[in-house]
Amino acid sequence: MEKFIKLNSLITKTLVMKYLIVLSTVLLMNIHNGNAQKLEGQIIDKTTESPLAYVNIGIVELGIGTVSDEKGKFALKVSKDKADSVLFSALGFESVKYSISGLLKEPIVKLNPKSYELKTFDVVDKARGRDKIFGKKKGIPQGETNLMGNSPGDEIGAHIRIKQPTYLKSANFNITRVSGDSMIFRVNIYEFNNGEIGDNLLKENVLLESSQEEGIVTVDLTPYQLLIEQDVLLTLENIDVDLNKNDRGILFKYVPVWFKAKGFYIRKGVNSKNVNGSFLKLLDGVELCFYFVGRELK
């Protein structure tokens, strides 16, 4: 009888301990879920109060990011105990940090426009009116590549050599395989100096927005009056690309370049410029088929 009582007591204690462990786990999960917040809001121009599309959004502490939609709206999951602020940046606007607690109370983000001194120039070229290709248009096919992922903010780009001041007329991209119906990419042009990638030379969104198609896809740059005087990195940044399930996504062509250590560059969206991410160089000896059409100026 005494043994039975002791055994019964042991079973009771064991059940109580299991109950406490389960209860503790549930409470911890509830605490964790309680800390996990879904940030939803909208980004607007502080001056005009119009929505700002495709703004980069990043949480530095967590190394995560996203991009606002065409109406300036965004949604992002955060943990209040692991991060306290969100960074917003957009071409032509001053970057700004908002506290998570502030966004939960007032989900409207206002960005101040930047002022720029615009350069003026005469389009007088050395090629007597003939356009020139800057970058690689075609070559012996060697391979194809996709973005590092298929998330908003993912980028892929090519180093373009510029020897003379050059007026850019178009940016062009060779697509070898498509995956869905529609695509929106942002065209970025970064300073490139001895392998170091600097600031974006564009001051506003330049978008490649169309149905998906194979072959050369062109973006008209003439409305932006772009004059560049140095090597640059020409990239496409994923904004919203329609994909089939479990698909690699859109593929871009690259070709071999003999005796040149060029390669191409990629950057993961969650490690975007908002969270101090950097580009990774891949495959020396090949060149991505991204190029400009333009004119060299005197």
Protein backbone atom coordinates (compact mmCIF):
# COMPACT_ATOMS: atom_id res chain seq x y z
CA MET A 1 0.00 0.00 0.00
CA GLU A 2 2.81 2.36 0.93
CA LYS A 3 4.57 1.54 -2.36
CA PHE A 4 1.34 2.23 -4.25
CA ILE A 5 0.95 5.62 -2.56
CA LYS A 6 4.56 6.54 -3.37
CA LEU A 7 4.12 5.42 -6.99
CA ASN A 8 0.87 7.33 -7.29
CA SER A 9 2.56 10.42 -5.82
CA LEU A 10 5.43 10.09 -8.30
CA ILE A 11 3.00 9.82 -11.22
CA THR A 12 1.11 12.88 -9.96
CA LYS A 13 4.33 14.90 -9.66
CA THR A 14 5.41 13.80 -13.15
CA LEU A 15 2.05 14.84 -14.63
CA VAL A 16 2.23 18.16 -12.80
CA MET A 17 5.77 18.78 -14.13
CA LYS A 18 4.69 17.93 -17.69
CA TYR A 19 1.72 20.26 -17.32
CA LEU A 20 3.95 23.05 -16.05
CA ILE A 21 6.41 22.52 -18.93
CA VAL A 22 3.59 22.61 -21.50
CA LEU A 23 2.06 25.65 -19.80
CA SER A 24 5.43 27.43 -19.76
CA THR A 25 5.97 26.64 -23.45
CA VAL A 26 2.53 27.99 -24.34
CA LEU A 27 3.13 31.13 -22.29
CA LEU A 28 6.53 31.68 -23.94
CA MET A 29 4.96 31.20 -27.37
CA ASN A 30 2.24 33.68 -26.48
CA ILE A 31 4.84 36.15 -25.24
CA HIS A 32 6.86 35.70 -28.43
CA ASN A 33 3.77 36.06 -30.60
CA GLY A 34 2.77 39.04 -28.52
CA ASN A 35 6.09 40.66 -29.35
CA ALA A 36 5.70 39.85 -33.05
CA GLN A 37 3.91 42.78 -34.65
CA LYS A 38 2.66 43.26 -38.18
CA LEU A 39 3.54 46.76 -39.31
CA GLU A 40 1.19 48.09 -41.94
CA GLY A 41 1.24 51.62 -43.27
CA GLN A 42 1.64 53.99 -46.18
CA ILE A 43 4.47 56.21 -47.39
CA ILE A 44 3.71 59.66 -48.79
CA ASP A 45 5.51 62.73 -50.08
CA LYS A 46 5.60 65.21 -47.20
CA THR A 47 5.15 68.15 -49.56
CA THR A 48 2.40 66.91 -51.87
CA GLU A 49 0.97 64.15 -49.64
CA SER A 50 0.84 61.87 -52.69
CA PRO A 51 1.68 58.16 -52.23
CA LEU A 52 5.28 57.06 -52.91
CA ALA A 53 5.65 53.81 -54.82
CA TYR A 54 8.52 51.30 -54.50
CA VAL A 55 10.22 52.76 -51.43
CA ASN A 56 12.92 50.55 -49.87
CA ILE A 57 12.12 49.59 -46.28
CA GLY A 58 14.65 47.94 -43.95
CA ILE A 59 15.11 46.90 -40.34
CA VAL A 60 18.84 47.07 -39.66
CA GLU A 61 18.87 44.98 -36.49
CA LEU A 62 17.02 42.07 -38.10
CA GLY A 63 18.54 42.32 -41.57
CA ILE A 64 15.16 42.21 -43.28
CA GLY A 65 13.52 44.48 -45.80
CA THR A 66 10.78 44.94 -48.34
CA VAL A 67 9.49 47.45 -50.91
CA SER A 68 6.26 49.47 -50.81
CA ASP A 69 3.66 48.81 -53.51
CA GLU A 70 2.47 51.17 -56.24
CA LYS A 71 0.19 52.95 -53.74
CA GLY A 72 2.96 53.42 -51.19
CA LYS A 73 1.53 50.74 -48.88
CA PHE A 74 3.68 48.22 -47.01
CA ALA A 75 3.42 45.34 -44.53
CA LEU A 76 6.27 43.94 -42.45
CA LYS A 77 6.45 41.58 -39.46
CA VAL A 78 8.73 42.72 -36.63
CA SER A 79 9.61 41.74 -33.08
CA LYS A 80 9.57 44.69 -30.71
CA ASP A 81 12.12 43.06 -28.42
CA LYS A 82 14.66 42.66 -31.25
CA ALA A 83 14.31 45.94 -33.16
CA ASP A 84 13.16 49.45 -32.40
CA SER A 85 13.23 51.31 -35.73
CA VAL A 86 12.58 51.03 -39.46
CA LEU A 87 14.57 52.80 -42.18
CA PHE A 88 12.81 54.20 -45.27
CA SER A 89 14.70 55.37 -48.38
CA ALA A 90 13.62 56.37 -51.86
CA LEU A 91 15.25 57.95 -54.89
CA GLY A 92 14.87 61.71 -54.76
CA PHE A 93 13.97 61.75 -51.06
CA GLU A 94 15.81 62.00 -47.76
CA SER A 95 16.14 58.70 -45.90
CA VAL A 96 14.41 58.63 -42.52
CA LYS A 97 14.06 56.32 -39.52
CA TYR A 98 10.75 55.76 -37.72
CA SER A 99 10.36 53.99 -34.39
CA ILE A 100 8.31 50.80 -34.43
CA SER A 101 6.21 52.04 -31.52
CA GLY A 102 5.51 55.27 -33.41
CA LEU A 103 4.49 53.39 -36.56
CA LEU A 104 2.08 51.22 -34.60
CA LYS A 105 0.36 54.37 -33.36
CA GLU A 106 0.54 56.40 -36.60
CA PRO A 107 1.26 54.27 -39.71
CA ILE A 108 1.82 57.17 -42.12
CA VAL A 109 5.44 57.74 -43.17
CA LYS A 110 6.35 61.13 -44.68
CA LEU A 111 9.50 61.59 -46.78
CA ASN A 112 11.09 64.95 -47.57
CA PRO A 113 12.07 65.55 -51.22
CA LYS A 114 15.76 66.20 -51.92
CA SER A 115 16.84 69.14 -54.02
CA TYR A 116 19.41 68.56 -56.77
CA GLU A 117 21.39 70.85 -59.00
CA LEU A 118 20.63 69.69 -62.52
CA LYS A 119 23.45 69.67 -65.06
CA THR A 120 22.83 71.11 -68.49
CA PHE A 121 24.78 70.00 -71.55
CA ASP A 122 24.75 70.10 -75.32
CA VAL A 123 24.39 66.77 -77.12
CA VAL A 124 27.41 67.14 -79.42
CA ASP A 125 28.97 63.75 -80.10
CA LYS A 126 32.24 62.44 -81.52
CA ALA A 127 30.54 59.72 -83.54
CA ARG A 128 28.88 62.22 -85.91
CA GLY A 129 25.35 61.43 -84.88
CA ARG A 130 25.80 57.66 -84.56
CA ASP A 131 24.76 55.80 -81.43
CA LYS A 132 27.19 53.49 -79.68
CA ILE A 133 26.74 50.41 -77.48
CA PHE A 134 28.25 50.48 -73.99
CA GLY A 135 28.40 47.04 -72.39
CA LYS A 136 27.78 43.61 -73.87
CA LYS A 137 24.91 43.11 -76.32
CA LYS A 138 25.67 39.63 -77.65
CA GLY A 139 28.36 36.99 -77.95
CA ILE A 140 28.91 33.25 -77.88
CA PRO A 141 26.22 31.94 -75.50
CA GLN A 142 27.67 30.51 -72.31
CA GLY A 143 24.95 30.53 -69.71
CA GLU A 144 22.05 32.18 -68.00
CA THR A 145 21.38 33.29 -64.46
CA ASN A 146 18.50 34.48 -62.34
CA LEU A 147 18.28 36.85 -59.40
CA MET A 148 19.82 35.68 -56.12
CA GLY A 149 16.23 35.16 -54.96
CA ASN A 150 12.85 36.34 -56.09
CA SER A 151 12.14 38.82 -53.30
CA PRO A 152 11.50 42.57 -53.59
CA GLY A 153 14.84 44.36 -53.58
CA ASP A 154 16.91 41.54 -55.16
CA GLU A 155 19.35 42.99 -57.70
CA ILE A 156 21.53 41.79 -60.56
CA GLY A 157 23.91 43.99 -62.53
CA ALA A 158 26.81 44.44 -64.94
CA HIS A 159 29.87 46.68 -64.86
CA ILE A 160 29.73 49.09 -67.82
CA ARG A 161 32.94 50.85 -68.90
CA ILE A 162 32.66 54.53 -69.84
CA LYS A 163 35.72 56.29 -71.32
CA GLN A 164 34.22 59.63 -72.38
CA PRO A 165 31.30 61.76 -71.11
CA THR A 166 28.31 59.88 -72.49
CA TYR A 167 24.67 60.79 -73.00
CA LEU A 168 22.50 57.73 -72.27
CA LYS A 169 19.57 57.05 -74.57
CA SER A 170 18.43 53.61 -73.38
CA ALA A 171 19.20 50.72 -71.04
CA ASN A 172 18.84 47.22 -72.46
CA PHE A 173 18.61 43.75 -70.92
CA ASN A 174 18.84 40.32 -72.58
CA ILE A 175 16.24 37.91 -71.15
CA THR A 176 16.59 34.25 -72.15
CA ARG A 177 13.69 32.71 -70.26
CA VAL A 178 10.47 33.96 -68.68
CA SER A 179 8.32 32.49 -65.95
CA GLY A 180 5.01 34.33 -65.71
CA ASP A 181 2.99 37.17 -67.15
CA SER A 182 4.09 40.55 -65.79
CA MET A 183 7.22 42.13 -64.33
CA ILE A 184 8.27 45.35 -62.66
CA PHE A 185 11.98 46.06 -62.20
CA ARG A 186 13.69 49.26 -61.10
CA VAL A 187 16.71 50.31 -63.18
CA ASN A 188 19.62 51.49 -61.02
CA ILE A 189 22.91 53.05 -62.13
CA TYR A 190 25.60 53.05 -59.43
CA GLU A 191 29.03 54.67 -59.32
CA PHE A 192 31.72 52.05 -59.97
CA ASN A 193 35.35 52.77 -59.17
CA ASN A 194 37.98 50.00 -59.12
CA GLY A 195 35.45 47.45 -58.00
CA GLU A 196 33.92 49.73 -55.36
CA ILE A 197 30.20 50.36 -55.79
CA GLY A 198 29.02 53.80 -54.71
CA ASP A 199 25.90 55.95 -54.82
CA ASN A 200 22.99 55.57 -57.20
CA LEU A 201 23.32 58.21 -59.91
CA LEU A 202 19.57 58.24 -60.58
CA LYS A 203 17.40 60.72 -58.70
CA GLU A 204 14.01 59.18 -59.46
CA ASN A 205 12.47 55.81 -60.22
CA VAL A 206 13.25 54.46 -63.68
CA LEU A 207 11.06 51.40 -64.18
CA LEU A 208 11.03 48.45 -66.53
CA GLU A 209 7.33 47.64 -66.36
CA SER A 210 5.88 45.28 -68.96
CA SER A 211 4.70 41.79 -69.80
CA GLN A 212 7.41 39.15 -69.60
CA GLU A 213 9.12 38.45 -72.91
CA GLU A 214 12.30 36.81 -74.13
CA GLY A 215 14.93 38.77 -76.03
CA ILE A 216 16.16 42.35 -75.64
CA VAL A 217 13.98 44.48 -73.37
CA THR A 218 14.59 48.24 -73.58
CA VAL A 219 13.99 51.14 -71.19
CA ASP A 220 13.96 54.63 -72.71
CA LEU A 221 16.31 56.93 -70.76
CA THR A 222 15.94 60.09 -72.85
CA PRO A 223 13.33 61.69 -70.55
CA TYR A 224 15.90 61.68 -67.72
CA GLN A 225 18.72 63.57 -69.51
CA LEU A 226 21.45 61.32 -68.13
CA LEU A 227 25.10 62.21 -68.65
CA ILE A 228 27.70 59.90 -67.12
CA GLU A 229 31.45 60.40 -67.04
CA GLN A 230 32.72 57.25 -65.29
CA ASP A 231 32.30 53.49 -65.11
CA VAL A 232 28.97 52.40 -63.63
CA LEU A 233 27.12 49.33 -62.43
CA LEU A 234 23.84 48.91 -64.33
CA THR A 235 21.34 46.80 -62.37
CA LEU A 236 17.79 45.56 -62.35
CA GLU A 237 16.10 45.52 -58.94
CA ASN A 238 13.12 43.23 -58.45
CA ILE A 239 9.96 45.11 -57.49
CA ASP A 240 7.15 42.74 -58.47
CA VAL A 241 7.68 39.80 -60.83
CA ASP A 242 4.98 37.23 -61.56
CA LEU A 243 6.38 33.72 -61.06
CA ASN A 244 5.12 30.20 -61.47
CA LYS A 245 5.32 28.08 -58.31
CA ASN A 246 8.77 26.54 -57.63
CA ASP A 247 10.19 28.30 -60.67
CA ARG A 248 13.68 29.84 -60.99
CA GLY A 249 12.14 33.01 -62.32
CA ILE A 250 13.35 35.23 -65.16
CA LEU A 251 16.77 34.26 -66.56
CA PHE A 252 19.38 36.66 -67.98
CA LYS A 253 22.02 35.82 -70.57
CA TYR A 254 25.77 36.02 -70.00
CA VAL A 255 28.65 35.37 -72.42
CA PRO A 256 32.42 34.71 -72.08
CA VAL A 257 34.87 37.61 -72.27
CA TRP A 258 38.42 36.51 -72.96
CA PHE A 259 41.26 37.94 -70.87
CA LYS A 260 38.86 40.06 -68.83
CA ALA A 261 37.96 39.47 -65.18
CA LYS A 262 34.56 41.12 -65.29
CA GLY A 263 31.86 38.86 -63.89
CA PHE A 264 28.47 40.14 -62.77
CA TYR A 265 27.05 41.35 -59.47
CA ILE A 266 24.10 40.29 -57.33
CA ARG A 267 22.56 41.51 -54.09
CA LYS A 268 19.90 39.86 -51.94
CA GLY A 269 16.87 42.03 -51.21
CA VAL A 270 16.72 41.26 -47.49
CA ASN A 271 20.29 42.55 -47.30
CA SER A 272 19.40 45.64 -49.28
CA LYS A 273 21.01 49.06 -49.14
CA ASN A 274 18.74 49.81 -46.21
CA VAL A 275 20.47 47.19 -44.07
CA ASN A 276 24.07 47.68 -45.19
CA GLY A 277 24.03 44.81 -47.67
CA SER A 278 26.72 44.61 -50.31
CA PHE A 279 26.95 43.21 -53.82
CA LEU A 280 28.56 39.85 -54.46
CA LYS A 281 30.65 39.38 -57.60
CA LEU A 282 30.19 36.09 -59.47
CA LEU A 283 31.90 34.19 -62.31
CA ASP A 284 35.03 35.99 -63.49
CA GLY A 285 35.53 35.75 -67.24
CA VAL A 286 31.91 36.25 -68.22
CA GLU A 287 29.78 39.31 -68.86
CA LEU A 288 26.07 39.82 -68.31
CA CYS A 289 24.26 41.03 -71.43
CA PHE A 290 23.16 44.39 -70.01
CA TYR A 291 24.09 47.47 -72.03
CA PHE A 292 23.42 51.13 -72.76
CA VAL A 293 22.85 52.80 -76.10
CA GLY A 294 24.18 56.36 -76.07
CA ARG A 295 26.50 58.96 -77.56
CA GLU A 296 29.91 60.14 -76.50
CA LEU A 297 30.05 63.92 -76.12
CA LYS A 298 32.87 66.39 -76.71
